[in-house]
Amino acid sequence: MTILKLFIASLLVSQIFATQGADVACTSSSCANSGVCPAVPTAPTGLNWVNGSSGNCAINSCPASTSSGLTGASDLFCKSCPGTANGSVQAVFANTALTGCVAASATCGSTRTANQWTNADCLACNGTSAQYAKSDKSGCQATAFSSIIILSSVLFLISFLF
């Protein structure tokens, strides 16, 4: 029972002391108007865009963690409420599942500059489902490039022998 009380108390404290997100530029300084900023994540609930301190927009109250547990995250949301950094790389981009803010060198979305994927970015953006960059860096894949070469070579040898 004591653990439950401590857990509830910590949840209350995290909500009371939640901080407003960093200022980000939306399409207008009237942040509360629908369509000015991208939709906020639907989980956790209670997130809204508000007017920030420098005439830009900010999330009203950043969740304690944005590295996971979100539903419908966007790059702009992650810039306002970053996830956990990886060294000097800030977690200001939404992963491809839109469930967390990740430390990648560029967006995980379709607007990413062509042929710029790295293994580190693939892992950050996709988790283990597609953690390796393709050889031409055009996207991500589930297996390492060297594994594909070895598998192709083995299949070629088998077809050659039979």
N, C-alpha and C. Protein backbone atom coordinates (compact mmCIF):
# COMPACT_ATOMS: atom_id res chain seq x y z
N MET A 1 0.82 -1.19 0.00
CA MET A 1 0.00 0.00 0.00
C MET A 1 0.87 1.25 0.00
N THR A 2 1.99 1.20 0.71
CA THR A 2 2.90 2.34 0.76
C THR A 2 3.46 2.64 -0.62
N ILE A 3 3.79 1.60 -1.37
CA ILE A 3 4.33 1.79 -2.72
C ILE A 3 3.28 2.45 -3.61
N LEU A 4 2.03 2.03 -3.48
CA LEU A 4 0.96 2.63 -4.27
C LEU A 4 0.80 4.11 -3.94
N LYS A 5 0.87 4.45 -2.66
CA LYS A 5 0.76 5.85 -2.25
C LYS A 5 1.92 6.67 -2.82
N LEU A 6 3.13 6.11 -2.78
CA LEU A 6 4.29 6.81 -3.34
C LEU A 6 4.14 7.01 -4.85
N PHE A 7 3.63 5.99 -5.52
CA PHE A 7 3.44 6.08 -6.96
C PHE A 7 2.43 7.17 -7.31
N ILE A 8 1.32 7.20 -6.61
CA ILE A 8 0.30 8.22 -6.85
C ILE A 8 0.85 9.61 -6.55
N ALA A 9 1.60 9.73 -5.46
CA ALA A 9 2.19 11.02 -5.12
C ALA A 9 3.16 11.48 -6.20
N SER A 10 3.97 10.55 -6.73
CA SER A 10 4.92 10.94 -7.77
C SER A 10 4.21 11.36 -9.05
N LEU A 11 3.09 10.71 -9.37
CA LEU A 11 2.32 11.12 -10.54
C LEU A 11 1.75 12.52 -10.36
N LEU A 12 1.25 12.80 -9.18
CA LEU A 12 0.72 14.13 -8.91
C LEU A 12 1.80 15.19 -8.99
N VAL A 13 2.96 14.90 -8.44
CA VAL A 13 4.07 15.85 -8.46
C VAL A 13 4.52 16.10 -9.90
N SER A 14 4.59 15.03 -10.71
CA SER A 14 5.02 15.20 -12.10
C SER A 14 4.04 16.07 -12.88
N GLN A 15 2.75 15.99 -12.56
CA GLN A 15 1.77 16.82 -13.24
C GLN A 15 1.79 18.26 -12.74
N ILE A 16 2.01 18.43 -11.45
CA ILE A 16 2.05 19.77 -10.87
C ILE A 16 3.25 20.55 -11.37
N PHE A 17 4.39 19.87 -11.48
CA PHE A 17 5.62 20.55 -11.86
C PHE A 17 5.98 20.36 -13.33
N ALA A 18 5.02 19.92 -14.16
CA ALA A 18 5.28 19.79 -15.59
C ALA A 18 5.57 21.17 -16.16
N THR A 19 6.48 21.22 -17.10
CA THR A 19 6.90 22.51 -17.64
C THR A 19 6.35 22.71 -19.05
N GLN A 20 6.19 23.97 -19.39
CA GLN A 20 5.78 24.32 -20.74
C GLN A 20 6.91 23.97 -21.69
N GLY A 21 6.56 23.56 -22.90
CA GLY A 21 7.55 23.20 -23.89
C GLY A 21 8.32 24.40 -24.42
N ALA A 22 9.36 24.11 -25.18
CA ALA A 22 10.16 25.15 -25.81
C ALA A 22 9.36 25.80 -26.94
N ASP A 23 9.66 27.04 -27.23
CA ASP A 23 8.99 27.76 -28.31
C ASP A 23 9.40 27.19 -29.67
N VAL A 24 8.42 27.02 -30.54
CA VAL A 24 8.66 26.58 -31.92
C VAL A 24 7.81 27.45 -32.85
N ALA A 25 8.22 27.56 -34.08
CA ALA A 25 7.50 28.39 -35.05
C ALA A 25 6.46 27.55 -35.79
N CYS A 26 5.20 27.92 -35.62
CA CYS A 26 4.11 27.34 -36.41
C CYS A 26 3.80 28.32 -37.54
N THR A 27 2.67 28.14 -38.20
CA THR A 27 2.36 29.02 -39.34
C THR A 27 1.81 30.37 -38.92
N SER A 28 1.55 30.55 -37.65
CA SER A 28 1.01 31.81 -37.15
C SER A 28 1.33 31.90 -35.67
N SER A 29 1.25 33.09 -35.13
CA SER A 29 1.51 33.24 -33.69
C SER A 29 0.25 33.02 -32.87
N SER A 30 -0.89 32.78 -33.52
CA SER A 30 -2.13 32.49 -32.80
C SER A 30 -2.25 30.98 -32.64
N CYS A 31 -1.51 30.46 -31.71
CA CYS A 31 -1.27 29.02 -31.60
C CYS A 31 -2.50 28.19 -31.24
N ALA A 32 -3.45 28.77 -30.57
CA ALA A 32 -4.62 28.01 -30.14
C ALA A 32 -5.57 27.72 -31.29
N ASN A 33 -5.45 28.43 -32.42
CA ASN A 33 -6.33 28.19 -33.57
C ASN A 33 -6.02 26.85 -34.21
N SER A 34 -7.04 26.11 -34.54
CA SER A 34 -6.88 24.81 -35.16
C SER A 34 -6.19 24.94 -36.52
N GLY A 35 -5.27 24.05 -36.82
CA GLY A 35 -4.59 24.03 -38.10
C GLY A 35 -3.34 24.89 -38.18
N VAL A 36 -3.08 25.69 -37.15
CA VAL A 36 -1.89 26.54 -37.16
C VAL A 36 -0.65 25.69 -36.90
N CYS A 37 -0.75 24.80 -35.92
CA CYS A 37 0.33 23.86 -35.60
C CYS A 37 -0.20 22.45 -35.88
N PRO A 38 0.69 21.47 -36.06
CA PRO A 38 0.20 20.11 -36.26
C PRO A 38 -0.57 19.63 -35.03
N ALA A 39 -1.40 18.64 -35.22
CA ALA A 39 -2.17 18.09 -34.10
C ALA A 39 -1.23 17.60 -33.01
N VAL A 40 -1.64 17.77 -31.77
CA VAL A 40 -0.84 17.27 -30.65
C VAL A 40 -1.08 15.77 -30.51
N PRO A 41 -0.16 15.04 -29.88
CA PRO A 41 -0.41 13.62 -29.65
C PRO A 41 -1.72 13.41 -28.87
N THR A 42 -2.42 12.33 -29.19
CA THR A 42 -3.66 12.02 -28.48
C THR A 42 -3.40 11.31 -27.17
N ALA A 43 -2.21 10.79 -26.98
CA ALA A 43 -1.80 10.21 -25.69
C ALA A 43 -0.39 10.67 -25.42
N PRO A 44 -0.11 11.13 -24.23
CA PRO A 44 -1.04 11.33 -23.13
C PRO A 44 -2.02 12.46 -23.43
N THR A 45 -3.11 12.47 -22.70
CA THR A 45 -4.15 13.47 -22.93
C THR A 45 -3.77 14.81 -22.31
N GLY A 46 -4.48 15.84 -22.71
CA GLY A 46 -4.31 17.16 -22.10
C GLY A 46 -3.25 18.04 -22.73
N LEU A 47 -2.67 17.61 -23.85
CA LEU A 47 -1.63 18.40 -24.51
C LEU A 47 -2.28 19.41 -25.45
N ASN A 48 -1.78 20.63 -25.44
CA ASN A 48 -2.30 21.68 -26.32
C ASN A 48 -1.18 22.62 -26.72
N TRP A 49 -1.36 23.26 -27.88
CA TRP A 49 -0.46 24.34 -28.28
C TRP A 49 -0.94 25.62 -27.61
N VAL A 50 -0.02 26.39 -27.08
CA VAL A 50 -0.34 27.68 -26.47
C VAL A 50 0.64 28.71 -27.01
N ASN A 51 0.34 29.98 -26.80
CA ASN A 51 1.28 31.02 -27.19
C ASN A 51 2.51 30.94 -26.29
N GLY A 52 3.67 30.91 -26.91
CA GLY A 52 4.92 30.81 -26.16
C GLY A 52 5.40 32.17 -25.69
N SER A 53 6.58 32.17 -25.10
CA SER A 53 7.10 33.40 -24.52
C SER A 53 7.71 34.34 -25.55
N SER A 54 8.05 33.86 -26.74
CA SER A 54 8.70 34.72 -27.73
C SER A 54 7.83 34.95 -28.96
N GLY A 55 6.53 34.85 -28.80
CA GLY A 55 5.63 35.06 -29.93
C GLY A 55 5.45 33.84 -30.80
N ASN A 56 6.10 32.75 -30.46
CA ASN A 56 5.92 31.50 -31.18
C ASN A 56 4.94 30.63 -30.41
N CYS A 57 4.93 29.34 -30.70
CA CYS A 57 4.02 28.41 -30.04
C CYS A 57 4.80 27.43 -29.17
N ALA A 58 4.12 26.84 -28.20
CA ALA A 58 4.75 25.86 -27.31
C ALA A 58 3.67 24.89 -26.83
N ILE A 59 4.09 23.71 -26.43
CA ILE A 59 3.17 22.77 -25.81
C ILE A 59 2.89 23.25 -24.39
N ASN A 60 1.63 23.20 -23.97
CA ASN A 60 1.25 23.75 -22.67
C ASN A 60 1.96 23.08 -21.50
N SER A 61 2.16 21.77 -21.55
CA SER A 61 2.75 21.05 -20.43
C SER A 61 3.38 19.77 -20.95
N CYS A 62 4.71 19.75 -21.05
CA CYS A 62 5.39 18.58 -21.60
C CYS A 62 5.26 17.38 -20.67
N PRO A 63 4.99 16.20 -21.22
CA PRO A 63 4.98 14.99 -20.40
C PRO A 63 6.36 14.74 -19.79
N ALA A 64 6.40 13.97 -18.72
CA ALA A 64 7.67 13.68 -18.06
C ALA A 64 8.66 13.02 -19.02
N SER A 65 8.16 12.17 -19.91
CA SER A 65 9.02 11.52 -20.90
C SER A 65 8.33 11.56 -22.25
N THR A 66 9.09 11.92 -23.28
CA THR A 66 8.54 11.88 -24.64
C THR A 66 9.32 10.91 -25.52
N SER A 67 10.18 10.10 -24.91
CA SER A 67 10.95 9.13 -25.69
C SER A 67 10.08 7.96 -26.13
N SER A 68 8.96 7.73 -25.45
CA SER A 68 8.02 6.68 -25.83
C SER A 68 6.67 6.99 -25.18
N GLY A 69 5.66 6.21 -25.54
CA GLY A 69 4.35 6.35 -24.93
C GLY A 69 3.45 7.40 -25.55
N LEU A 70 3.86 7.97 -26.67
CA LEU A 70 3.03 8.97 -27.34
C LEU A 70 2.18 8.30 -28.42
N THR A 71 1.12 8.96 -28.80
CA THR A 71 0.32 8.52 -29.94
C THR A 71 0.12 9.74 -30.84
N GLY A 72 0.72 9.71 -32.02
CA GLY A 72 0.56 10.81 -32.96
C GLY A 72 1.56 11.95 -32.79
N ALA A 73 2.78 11.64 -32.41
CA ALA A 73 3.81 12.68 -32.25
C ALA A 73 4.19 13.27 -33.61
N SER A 74 4.69 14.49 -33.60
CA SER A 74 5.17 15.14 -34.82
C SER A 74 6.54 15.74 -34.52
N ASP A 75 7.28 16.08 -35.56
CA ASP A 75 8.59 16.70 -35.36
C ASP A 75 8.46 18.01 -34.58
N LEU A 76 7.44 18.79 -34.89
CA LEU A 76 7.27 20.07 -34.19
C LEU A 76 6.95 19.87 -32.71
N PHE A 77 6.12 18.86 -32.40
CA PHE A 77 5.87 18.54 -31.00
C PHE A 77 7.18 18.17 -30.31
N CYS A 78 7.98 17.32 -30.97
CA CYS A 78 9.25 16.87 -30.37
C CYS A 78 10.25 18.01 -30.21
N LYS A 79 10.19 19.00 -31.07
CA LYS A 79 11.06 20.17 -30.89
C LYS A 79 10.64 20.97 -29.66
N SER A 80 9.35 20.98 -29.35
CA SER A 80 8.86 21.69 -28.17
C SER A 80 9.10 20.88 -26.90
N CYS A 81 8.93 19.57 -26.97
CA CYS A 81 9.10 18.68 -25.81
C CYS A 81 10.04 17.53 -26.19
N PRO A 82 11.35 17.77 -26.25
CA PRO A 82 12.29 16.75 -26.72
C PRO A 82 12.33 15.51 -25.83
N GLY A 83 12.74 14.40 -26.45
CA GLY A 83 12.97 13.17 -25.71
C GLY A 83 14.37 13.16 -25.14
N THR A 84 14.87 11.98 -24.82
CA THR A 84 16.19 11.83 -24.22
C THR A 84 17.27 11.92 -25.31
N ALA A 85 18.21 12.82 -25.12
CA ALA A 85 19.30 13.01 -26.09
C ALA A 85 20.22 11.79 -26.10
N ASN A 86 20.91 11.61 -27.22
CA ASN A 86 21.92 10.57 -27.35
C ASN A 86 23.25 11.28 -27.56
N GLY A 87 23.97 11.50 -26.47
CA GLY A 87 25.20 12.28 -26.56
C GLY A 87 24.86 13.71 -26.92
N SER A 88 25.43 14.20 -28.01
CA SER A 88 25.16 15.58 -28.43
C SER A 88 23.97 15.68 -29.40
N VAL A 89 23.38 14.55 -29.76
CA VAL A 89 22.25 14.54 -30.69
C VAL A 89 20.96 14.69 -29.89
N GLN A 90 20.25 15.79 -30.11
CA GLN A 90 19.00 16.05 -29.40
C GLN A 90 17.86 15.21 -29.98
N ALA A 91 16.94 14.80 -29.13
CA ALA A 91 15.80 13.97 -29.54
C ALA A 91 14.63 14.86 -29.94
N VAL A 92 14.72 15.47 -31.11
CA VAL A 92 13.72 16.45 -31.55
C VAL A 92 12.95 16.01 -32.80
N PHE A 93 12.99 14.73 -33.12
CA PHE A 93 12.26 14.21 -34.27
C PHE A 93 11.36 13.06 -33.85
N ALA A 94 10.16 12.98 -34.41
CA ALA A 94 9.24 11.88 -34.12
C ALA A 94 9.71 10.63 -34.85
N ASN A 95 9.65 9.47 -34.17
CA ASN A 95 10.01 8.23 -34.84
C ASN A 95 8.97 7.90 -35.92
N THR A 96 9.24 6.89 -36.73
CA THR A 96 8.34 6.60 -37.85
C THR A 96 6.98 6.10 -37.38
N ALA A 97 6.91 5.51 -36.20
CA ALA A 97 5.63 5.06 -35.65
C ALA A 97 4.86 6.20 -34.97
N LEU A 98 5.49 7.36 -34.85
CA LEU A 98 4.91 8.55 -34.21
C LEU A 98 4.58 8.31 -32.74
N THR A 99 5.39 7.46 -32.08
CA THR A 99 5.15 7.11 -30.68
C THR A 99 6.18 7.68 -29.73
N GLY A 100 7.19 8.36 -30.24
CA GLY A 100 8.21 8.92 -29.37
C GLY A 100 9.10 9.90 -30.10
N CYS A 101 9.84 10.68 -29.31
CA CYS A 101 10.80 11.65 -29.85
C CYS A 101 12.18 11.02 -29.76
N VAL A 102 12.89 10.98 -30.88
CA VAL A 102 14.15 10.26 -30.95
C VAL A 102 15.31 11.16 -31.36
N ALA A 103 16.50 10.70 -31.00
CA ALA A 103 17.74 11.43 -31.32
C ALA A 103 18.25 10.94 -32.67
N ALA A 104 17.82 11.58 -33.73
CA ALA A 104 18.28 11.28 -35.09
C ALA A 104 18.91 12.56 -35.65
N SER A 105 19.71 12.41 -36.69
CA SER A 105 20.38 13.58 -37.27
C SER A 105 19.45 14.41 -38.15
N ALA A 106 18.31 13.84 -38.54
CA ALA A 106 17.33 14.54 -39.37
C ALA A 106 15.97 13.87 -39.17
N THR A 107 14.94 14.42 -39.79
CA THR A 107 13.60 13.87 -39.62
C THR A 107 13.53 12.41 -40.03
N CYS A 108 12.65 11.67 -39.39
CA CYS A 108 12.41 10.27 -39.76
C CYS A 108 11.35 10.18 -40.85
N GLY A 109 10.73 11.29 -41.18
CA GLY A 109 9.62 11.33 -42.12
C GLY A 109 10.04 11.40 -43.58
N SER A 110 9.05 11.54 -44.43
CA SER A 110 9.26 11.52 -45.88
C SER A 110 9.97 12.76 -46.41
N THR A 111 10.08 13.80 -45.61
CA THR A 111 10.76 15.02 -46.08
C THR A 111 12.26 14.98 -45.83
N ARG A 112 12.77 13.86 -45.38
CA ARG A 112 14.21 13.71 -45.14
C ARG A 112 14.97 13.84 -46.45
N THR A 113 16.12 14.49 -46.42
CA THR A 113 16.97 14.63 -47.60
C THR A 113 17.34 13.24 -48.13
N ALA A 114 17.29 13.07 -49.44
CA ALA A 114 17.55 11.77 -50.06
C ALA A 114 18.95 11.26 -49.74
N ASN A 115 19.04 9.96 -49.59
CA ASN A 115 20.30 9.24 -49.40
C ASN A 115 21.13 9.75 -48.23
N GLN A 116 20.48 10.00 -47.11
CA GLN A 116 21.17 10.47 -45.91
C GLN A 116 20.98 9.55 -44.71
N TRP A 117 20.42 8.36 -44.90
CA TRP A 117 20.17 7.47 -43.78
C TRP A 117 21.46 6.83 -43.28
N THR A 118 21.60 6.72 -41.98
CA THR A 118 22.72 6.02 -41.34
C THR A 118 22.13 4.91 -40.48
N ASN A 119 22.98 3.96 -40.06
CA ASN A 119 22.51 2.90 -39.17
C ASN A 119 21.95 3.48 -37.88
N ALA A 120 22.62 4.49 -37.33
CA ALA A 120 22.17 5.10 -36.07
C ALA A 120 20.80 5.74 -36.24
N ASP A 121 20.58 6.44 -37.35
CA ASP A 121 19.28 7.06 -37.59
C ASP A 121 18.20 6.01 -37.84
N CYS A 122 18.53 4.96 -38.58
CA CYS A 122 17.55 3.90 -38.83
C CYS A 122 17.12 3.25 -37.52
N LEU A 123 18.07 2.98 -36.63
CA LEU A 123 17.74 2.38 -35.34
C LEU A 123 16.89 3.34 -34.51
N ALA A 124 17.27 4.61 -34.48
CA ALA A 124 16.50 5.59 -33.70
C ALA A 124 15.08 5.73 -34.24
N CYS A 125 14.95 5.81 -35.55
CA CYS A 125 13.64 6.06 -36.16
C CYS A 125 12.73 4.84 -36.20
N ASN A 126 13.30 3.66 -36.40
CA ASN A 126 12.50 2.46 -36.64
C ASN A 126 12.61 1.40 -35.56
N GLY A 127 13.50 1.56 -34.61
CA GLY A 127 13.74 0.48 -33.66
C GLY A 127 14.39 -0.68 -34.39
N THR A 128 14.21 -1.89 -33.89
CA THR A 128 14.88 -3.04 -34.50
C THR A 128 14.15 -3.58 -35.72
N SER A 129 13.00 -3.02 -36.08
CA SER A 129 12.27 -3.54 -37.25
C SER A 129 12.96 -3.20 -38.57
N ALA A 130 13.71 -2.12 -38.61
CA ALA A 130 14.46 -1.71 -39.82
C ALA A 130 15.63 -0.86 -39.36
N GLN A 131 16.59 -1.49 -38.70
CA GLN A 131 17.65 -0.75 -38.02
C GLN A 131 18.90 -0.49 -38.83
N TYR A 132 18.96 -0.98 -40.06
CA TYR A 132 20.18 -0.81 -40.87
C TYR A 132 19.90 0.05 -42.10
N ALA A 133 20.84 0.93 -42.42
CA ALA A 133 20.72 1.75 -43.62
C ALA A 133 21.00 0.89 -44.85
N LYS A 134 20.26 1.16 -45.92
CA LYS A 134 20.54 0.48 -47.19
C LYS A 134 21.90 0.94 -47.69
N SER A 135 22.49 0.18 -48.57
CA SER A 135 23.85 0.49 -49.04
C SER A 135 23.93 1.87 -49.71
N ASP A 136 22.86 2.31 -50.36
CA ASP A 136 22.87 3.63 -51.00
C ASP A 136 22.31 4.72 -50.08
N LYS A 137 22.02 4.35 -48.83
CA LYS A 137 21.51 5.27 -47.80
C LYS A 137 20.16 5.87 -48.15
N SER A 138 19.40 5.19 -49.02
CA SER A 138 18.09 5.69 -49.45
C SER A 138 16.97 5.36 -48.48
N GLY A 139 17.23 4.52 -47.52
CA GLY A 139 16.20 4.12 -46.57
C GLY A 139 16.77 3.11 -45.59
N CYS A 140 15.89 2.42 -44.90
CA CYS A 140 16.30 1.47 -43.86
C CYS A 140 15.79 0.08 -44.20
N GLN A 141 16.44 -0.91 -43.64
CA GLN A 141 16.05 -2.30 -43.85
C GLN A 141 16.31 -3.10 -42.58
N ALA A 142 15.76 -4.31 -42.52
CA ALA A 142 15.83 -5.12 -41.31
C ALA A 142 17.17 -5.83 -41.14
N THR A 143 17.87 -6.09 -42.24
CA THR A 143 19.13 -6.84 -42.13
C THR A 143 20.31 -5.97 -42.55
N ALA A 144 21.45 -6.29 -41.99
CA ALA A 144 22.67 -5.54 -42.30
C ALA A 144 23.07 -5.80 -43.75
N PHE A 145 23.70 -4.83 -44.36
CA PHE A 145 24.11 -4.94 -45.76
C PHE A 145 25.00 -6.15 -45.99
N SER A 146 25.95 -6.40 -45.10
CA SER A 146 26.85 -7.54 -45.28
C SER A 146 26.09 -8.86 -45.23
N SER A 147 25.03 -8.95 -44.44
CA SER A 147 24.22 -10.16 -44.38
C SER A 147 23.55 -10.43 -45.72
N ILE A 148 23.12 -9.38 -46.39
CA ILE A 148 22.46 -9.53 -47.68
C ILE A 148 23.45 -10.04 -48.72
N ILE A 149 24.66 -9.53 -48.70
CA ILE A 149 25.69 -9.97 -49.65
C ILE A 149 26.00 -11.45 -49.43
N ILE A 150 26.17 -11.84 -48.18
CA ILE A 150 26.49 -13.24 -47.87
C ILE A 150 25.34 -14.14 -48.31
N LEU A 151 24.11 -13.76 -47.99
CA LEU A 151 22.95 -14.56 -48.37
C LEU A 151 22.84 -14.66 -49.89
N SER A 152 23.05 -13.58 -50.60
CA SER A 152 22.99 -13.59 -52.06
C SER A 152 24.07 -14.51 -52.63
N SER A 153 25.25 -14.46 -52.06
CA SER A 153 26.36 -15.30 -52.53
C SER A 153 26.04 -16.77 -52.32
N VAL A 154 25.50 -17.11 -51.18
CA VAL A 154 25.16 -18.50 -50.89
C VAL A 154 24.07 -18.98 -51.85
N LEU A 155 23.06 -18.17 -52.07
CA LEU A 155 22.00 -18.56 -53.00
C LEU A 155 22.52 -18.72 -54.42
N PHE A 156 23.44 -17.86 -54.83
CA PHE A 156 24.05 -17.97 -56.15
C PHE A 156 24.82 -19.28 -56.27
N LEU A 157 25.62 -19.60 -55.26
CA LEU A 157 26.39 -20.84 -55.29
C LEU A 157 25.49 -22.06 -55.33
N ILE A 158 24.43 -22.05 -54.57
CA ILE A 158 23.51 -23.18 -54.57
C ILE A 158 22.88 -23.34 -55.94
N SER A 159 22.45 -22.24 -56.55
CA SER A 159 21.83 -22.34 -57.88
C SER A 159 22.85 -22.76 -58.93
N PHE A 160 24.10 -22.38 -58.76
CA PHE A 160 25.15 -22.75 -59.70
C PHE A 160 25.48 -24.23 -59.61
N LEU A 161 25.47 -24.78 -58.39
CA LEU A 161 25.83 -26.17 -58.18
C LEU A 161 24.72 -27.13 -58.58
N PHE A 162 23.50 -26.68 -58.57
CA PHE A 162 22.38 -27.59 -58.87
C PHE A 162 21.78 -27.20 -60.16
